[in-house]
Amino acid sequence: MGRVHTHRHGQSHSTRPITQRTPSWLSMSQKEVEDLVVKYGKDGVPMSQIGIRMRDQHAIPLVKPIVKKSIKKILDDNGVTPEIPEDLNNIVRKAVGLQKHLKTHNSDKRNVRSLELVEAKVHRISTYYKRIGALPENWKYKSVVAQLE
């Protein structure tokens, strides 16, 4: 997601591998890589963390050139996708953390503003996910309900 409520531009990111071909040093088969992704998905590891684990622990720079499917597609095919998309879940957790902070520090005006901006992002992203069908149409962000989850 782009930076919505700031004057700074761009996002930091890691450098992707130069070639999209399967590396020659890889000893795992397509099926083994796919099974590993599904195992991590069933363990509750988010998709972004699955890619990092595959890179760091198993020396797989990219899953897509090897399996010919993205991590999201692999998890969808095996029925392991989370009910709320990862980026929306992260923003909701951030909002919950700010609400907890404001309960004890209710005069913290800067974090009141931060909470307003984060909740605006929640509403913006949820509208998008409802439009593409990743969230049910009746899903609604409520600050009290988010604190309970």
C-alpha atoms as a PDB file:
ATOM      1  CA  MET A   1       0.000   0.000   0.000  1.00  0.00           C
ATOM      2  CA  GLY A   2       1.295   3.445  -0.831  1.00  0.00           C
ATOM      3  CA  ARG A   3       2.011   6.038   1.769  1.00  0.00           C
ATOM      4  CA  VAL A   4      -1.312   7.801   2.112  1.00  0.00           C
ATOM      5  CA  HIS A   5      -0.965  10.147   5.074  1.00  0.00           C
ATOM      6  CA  THR A   6       2.593  11.439   4.744  1.00  0.00           C
ATOM      7  CA  HIS A   7       4.760  13.616   2.548  1.00  0.00           C
ATOM      8  CA  ARG A   8       7.463  10.994   2.070  1.00  0.00           C
ATOM      9  CA  HIS A   9       7.463   8.882  -1.066  1.00  0.00           C
ATOM     10  CA  GLY A  10       8.318   5.274  -1.840  1.00  0.00           C
ATOM     11  CA  GLN A  11       8.724   2.169   0.220  1.00  0.00           C
ATOM     12  CA  SER A  12      11.810   0.347   1.305  1.00  0.00           C
ATOM     13  CA  HIS A  13      12.153  -3.138  -0.126  1.00  0.00           C
ATOM     14  CA  SER A  14      14.650  -5.887  -0.617  1.00  0.00           C
ATOM     15  CA  THR A  15      16.372  -6.549  -3.919  1.00  0.00           C
ATOM     16  CA  ARG A  16      14.737  -9.349  -5.856  1.00  0.00           C
ATOM     17  CA  PRO A  17      16.814 -12.016  -7.619  1.00  0.00           C
ATOM     18  CA  ILE A  18      18.090 -11.014 -11.048  1.00  0.00           C
ATOM     19  CA  THR A  19      16.800 -14.031 -12.966  1.00  0.00           C
ATOM     20  CA  GLN A  20      13.389 -15.643 -12.742  1.00  0.00           C
ATOM     21  CA  ARG A  21      14.779 -19.111 -13.520  1.00  0.00           C
ATOM     22  CA  THR A  22      14.958 -21.978 -11.058  1.00  0.00           C
ATOM     23  CA  PRO A  23      18.369 -21.904  -9.347  1.00  0.00           C
ATOM     24  CA  SER A  24      20.785 -24.697 -10.235  1.00  0.00           C
ATOM     25  CA  TRP A  25      21.674 -25.414  -6.598  1.00  0.00           C
ATOM     26  CA  LEU A  26      18.094 -26.204  -5.611  1.00  0.00           C
ATOM     27  CA  SER A  27      17.728 -29.821  -4.539  1.00  0.00           C
ATOM     28  CA  MET A  28      13.999 -29.713  -3.699  1.00  0.00           C
ATOM     29  CA  SER A  29      11.310 -30.709  -6.173  1.00  0.00           C
ATOM     30  CA  GLN A  30       8.225 -28.677  -7.078  1.00  0.00           C
ATOM     31  CA  LYS A  31       6.040 -30.852  -4.877  1.00  0.00           C
ATOM     32  CA  GLU A  32       8.355 -30.510  -1.875  1.00  0.00           C
ATOM     33  CA  VAL A  33       8.401 -26.711  -2.162  1.00  0.00           C
ATOM     34  CA  GLU A  34       4.625 -26.604  -2.468  1.00  0.00           C
ATOM     35  CA  ASP A  35       4.194 -28.919   0.535  1.00  0.00           C
ATOM     36  CA  LEU A  36       6.524 -26.703   2.574  1.00  0.00           C
ATOM     37  CA  VAL A  37       4.485 -23.587   1.702  1.00  0.00           C
ATOM     38  CA  VAL A  38       1.254 -25.374   2.674  1.00  0.00           C
ATOM     39  CA  LYS A  39       2.826 -26.579   5.945  1.00  0.00           C
ATOM     40  CA  TYR A  40       3.817 -23.025   6.868  1.00  0.00           C
ATOM     41  CA  GLY A  41       0.359 -21.791   5.898  1.00  0.00           C
ATOM     42  CA  LYS A  42      -1.315 -24.377   8.144  1.00  0.00           C
ATOM     43  CA  ASP A  43       0.989 -23.328  10.989  1.00  0.00           C
ATOM     44  CA  GLY A  44      -0.468 -19.811  10.716  1.00  0.00           C
ATOM     45  CA  VAL A  45       2.577 -18.120   9.188  1.00  0.00           C
ATOM     46  CA  PRO A  46       1.571 -15.050   7.095  1.00  0.00           C
ATOM     47  CA  MET A  47       2.326 -15.103   3.362  1.00  0.00           C
ATOM     48  CA  SER A  48       5.064 -12.476   3.588  1.00  0.00           C
ATOM     49  CA  GLN A  49       6.799 -14.459   6.320  1.00  0.00           C
ATOM     50  CA  ILE A  50       6.499 -17.679   4.300  1.00  0.00           C
ATOM     51  CA  GLY A  51       8.521 -16.072   1.517  1.00  0.00           C
ATOM     52  CA  ILE A  52      11.144 -14.866   3.998  1.00  0.00           C
ATOM     53  CA  ARG A  53      11.409 -18.310   5.612  1.00  0.00           C
ATOM     54  CA  MET A  54      11.746 -19.995   2.237  1.00  0.00           C
ATOM     55  CA  ARG A  55      14.553 -17.584   1.347  1.00  0.00           C
ATOM     56  CA  ASP A  56      16.429 -17.683   4.656  1.00  0.00           C
ATOM     57  CA  GLN A  57      15.954 -21.254   5.885  1.00  0.00           C
ATOM     58  CA  HIS A  58      15.630 -23.245   2.653  1.00  0.00           C
ATOM     59  CA  ALA A  59      17.682 -21.154   0.148  1.00  0.00           C
ATOM     60  CA  ILE A  60      14.726 -20.692  -2.201  1.00  0.00           C
ATOM     61  CA  PRO A  61      14.976 -17.143  -3.582  1.00  0.00           C
ATOM     62  CA  LEU A  62      11.510 -17.116  -5.180  1.00  0.00           C
ATOM     63  CA  VAL A  63       8.742 -19.700  -5.009  1.00  0.00           C
ATOM     64  CA  LYS A  64       6.914 -18.666  -8.187  1.00  0.00           C
ATOM     65  CA  PRO A  65       9.575 -19.688 -10.783  1.00  0.00           C
ATOM     66  CA  ILE A  66       9.918 -23.108  -9.155  1.00  0.00           C
ATOM     67  CA  VAL A  67       6.256 -24.029  -8.597  1.00  0.00           C
ATOM     68  CA  LYS A  68       4.814 -21.832 -11.388  1.00  0.00           C
ATOM     69  CA  LYS A  69       2.328 -20.444  -8.830  1.00  0.00           C
ATOM     70  CA  SER A  70       2.512 -17.672  -6.273  1.00  0.00           C
ATOM     71  CA  ILE A  71       2.393 -18.381  -2.535  1.00  0.00           C
ATOM     72  CA  LYS A  72      -1.133 -16.941  -2.396  1.00  0.00           C
ATOM     73  CA  LYS A  73      -2.304 -19.225  -5.221  1.00  0.00           C
ATOM     74  CA  ILE A  74      -0.732 -22.272  -3.551  1.00  0.00           C
ATOM     75  CA  LEU A  75      -2.502 -21.490  -0.279  1.00  0.00           C
ATOM     76  CA  ASP A  76      -5.799 -20.809  -2.104  1.00  0.00           C
ATOM     77  CA  ASP A  77      -5.625 -24.156  -3.910  1.00  0.00           C
ATOM     78  CA  ASN A  78      -5.100 -25.979  -0.618  1.00  0.00           C
ATOM     79  CA  GLY A  79      -7.739 -24.035   1.334  1.00  0.00           C
ATOM     80  CA  VAL A  80      -5.332 -22.471   3.825  1.00  0.00           C
ATOM     81  CA  THR A  81      -6.017 -18.779   3.200  1.00  0.00           C
ATOM     82  CA  PRO A  82      -6.789 -16.552   6.197  1.00  0.00           C
ATOM     83  CA  GLU A  83     -10.270 -15.056   6.499  1.00  0.00           C
ATOM     84  CA  ILE A  84      -8.858 -11.498   6.606  1.00  0.00           C
ATOM     85  CA  PRO A  85      -6.077 -10.467   4.175  1.00  0.00           C
ATOM     86  CA  GLU A  86      -2.681  -9.970   5.769  1.00  0.00           C
ATOM     87  CA  ASP A  87      -2.277  -6.235   5.174  1.00  0.00           C
ATOM     88  CA  LEU A  88      -5.744  -5.454   6.526  1.00  0.00           C
ATOM     89  CA  ASN A  89      -5.078  -7.633   9.563  1.00  0.00           C
ATOM     90  CA  ASN A  90      -1.807  -5.767  10.251  1.00  0.00           C
ATOM     91  CA  ILE A  91      -3.523  -2.384  10.092  1.00  0.00           C
ATOM     92  CA  VAL A  92      -6.353  -3.551  12.366  1.00  0.00           C
ATOM     93  CA  ARG A  93      -3.776  -4.789  14.893  1.00  0.00           C
ATOM     94  CA  LYS A  94      -2.043  -1.413  14.752  1.00  0.00           C
ATOM     95  CA  ALA A  95      -5.366   0.324  15.439  1.00  0.00           C
ATOM     96  CA  VAL A  96      -6.024  -1.971  18.406  1.00  0.00           C
ATOM     97  CA  GLY A  97      -2.584  -1.181  19.824  1.00  0.00           C
ATOM     98  CA  LEU A  98      -3.237   2.548  19.514  1.00  0.00           C
ATOM     99  CA  GLN A  99      -6.624   2.157  21.219  1.00  0.00           C
ATOM    100  CA  LYS A 100      -5.033   0.300  24.132  1.00  0.00           C
ATOM    101  CA  HIS A 101      -2.438   3.048  24.440  1.00  0.00           C
ATOM    102  CA  LEU A 102      -5.113   5.750  24.418  1.00  0.00           C
ATOM    103  CA  LYS A 103      -7.031   4.034  27.223  1.00  0.00           C
ATOM    104  CA  THR A 104      -4.163   4.684  29.612  1.00  0.00           C
ATOM    105  CA  HIS A 105      -2.876   7.908  27.994  1.00  0.00           C
ATOM    106  CA  ASN A 106      -6.113   9.628  27.003  1.00  0.00           C
ATOM    107  CA  SER A 107      -4.512  13.062  26.541  1.00  0.00           C
ATOM    108  CA  ASP A 108      -2.019  11.880  23.936  1.00  0.00           C
ATOM    109  CA  LYS A 109      -3.236  14.051  21.061  1.00  0.00           C
ATOM    110  CA  ARG A 110      -0.646  12.836  18.556  1.00  0.00           C
ATOM    111  CA  ASN A 111      -1.792   9.237  18.910  1.00  0.00           C
ATOM    112  CA  VAL A 112      -5.437  10.283  18.667  1.00  0.00           C
ATOM    113  CA  ARG A 113      -4.575  11.649  15.225  1.00  0.00           C
ATOM    114  CA  SER A 114      -2.580   8.506  14.396  1.00  0.00           C
ATOM    115  CA  LEU A 115      -5.575   6.362  15.303  1.00  0.00           C
ATOM    116  CA  GLU A 116      -7.802   8.417  13.008  1.00  0.00           C
ATOM    117  CA  LEU A 117      -5.371   7.948  10.105  1.00  0.00           C
ATOM    118  CA  VAL A 118      -4.990   4.215  10.727  1.00  0.00           C
ATOM    119  CA  GLU A 119      -8.759   3.727  10.898  1.00  0.00           C
ATOM    120  CA  ALA A 120      -9.106   5.654   7.627  1.00  0.00           C
ATOM    121  CA  LYS A 121      -6.685   3.160   6.062  1.00  0.00           C
ATOM    122  CA  VAL A 122      -8.733   0.270   7.469  1.00  0.00           C
ATOM    123  CA  HIS A 123     -11.897   1.613   5.860  1.00  0.00           C
ATOM    124  CA  ARG A 124     -10.148   2.323   2.548  1.00  0.00           C
ATOM    125  CA  ILE A 125      -8.576  -1.153   2.311  1.00  0.00           C
ATOM    126  CA  SER A 126     -11.742  -2.932   3.457  1.00  0.00           C
ATOM    127  CA  THR A 127     -13.714  -1.191   0.705  1.00  0.00           C
ATOM    128  CA  TYR A 128     -11.217  -2.485  -1.846  1.00  0.00           C
ATOM    129  CA  TYR A 129     -11.308  -6.050  -0.514  1.00  0.00           C
ATOM    130  CA  LYS A 130     -15.115  -6.042  -0.481  1.00  0.00           C
ATOM    131  CA  ARG A 131     -15.115  -4.871  -4.098  1.00  0.00           C
ATOM    132  CA  ILE A 132     -12.810  -7.676  -5.284  1.00  0.00           C
ATOM    133  CA  GLY A 133     -14.556 -10.298  -3.134  1.00  0.00           C
ATOM    134  CA  ALA A 134     -11.772 -11.065  -0.657  1.00  0.00           C
ATOM    135  CA  LEU A 135     -13.996  -9.912   2.233  1.00  0.00           C
ATOM    136  CA  PRO A 136     -17.714 -10.531   2.670  1.00  0.00           C
ATOM    137  CA  GLU A 137     -19.931  -7.547   1.896  1.00  0.00           C
ATOM    138  CA  ASN A 138     -21.247  -7.405   5.469  1.00  0.00           C
ATOM    139  CA  TRP A 139     -17.743  -7.202   7.042  1.00  0.00           C
ATOM    140  CA  LYS A 140     -17.383  -4.013   9.036  1.00  0.00           C
ATOM    141  CA  TYR A 141     -14.563  -2.668  11.160  1.00  0.00           C
ATOM    142  CA  LYS A 142     -15.710  -1.746  14.634  1.00  0.00           C
ATOM    143  CA  SER A 143     -13.129  -0.580  17.143  1.00  0.00           C
ATOM    144  CA  VAL A 144     -14.775  -2.396  20.067  1.00  0.00           C
ATOM    145  CA  VAL A 145     -14.986  -5.705  18.172  1.00  0.00           C
ATOM    146  CA  ALA A 146     -11.390  -5.362  16.928  1.00  0.00           C
ATOM    147  CA  GLN A 147     -10.144  -5.123  20.511  1.00  0.00           C
ATOM    148  CA  LEU A 148     -11.731  -8.454  21.390  1.00  0.00           C
ATOM    149  CA  GLU A 149      -9.997 -10.366  18.550  1.00  0.00           C
END
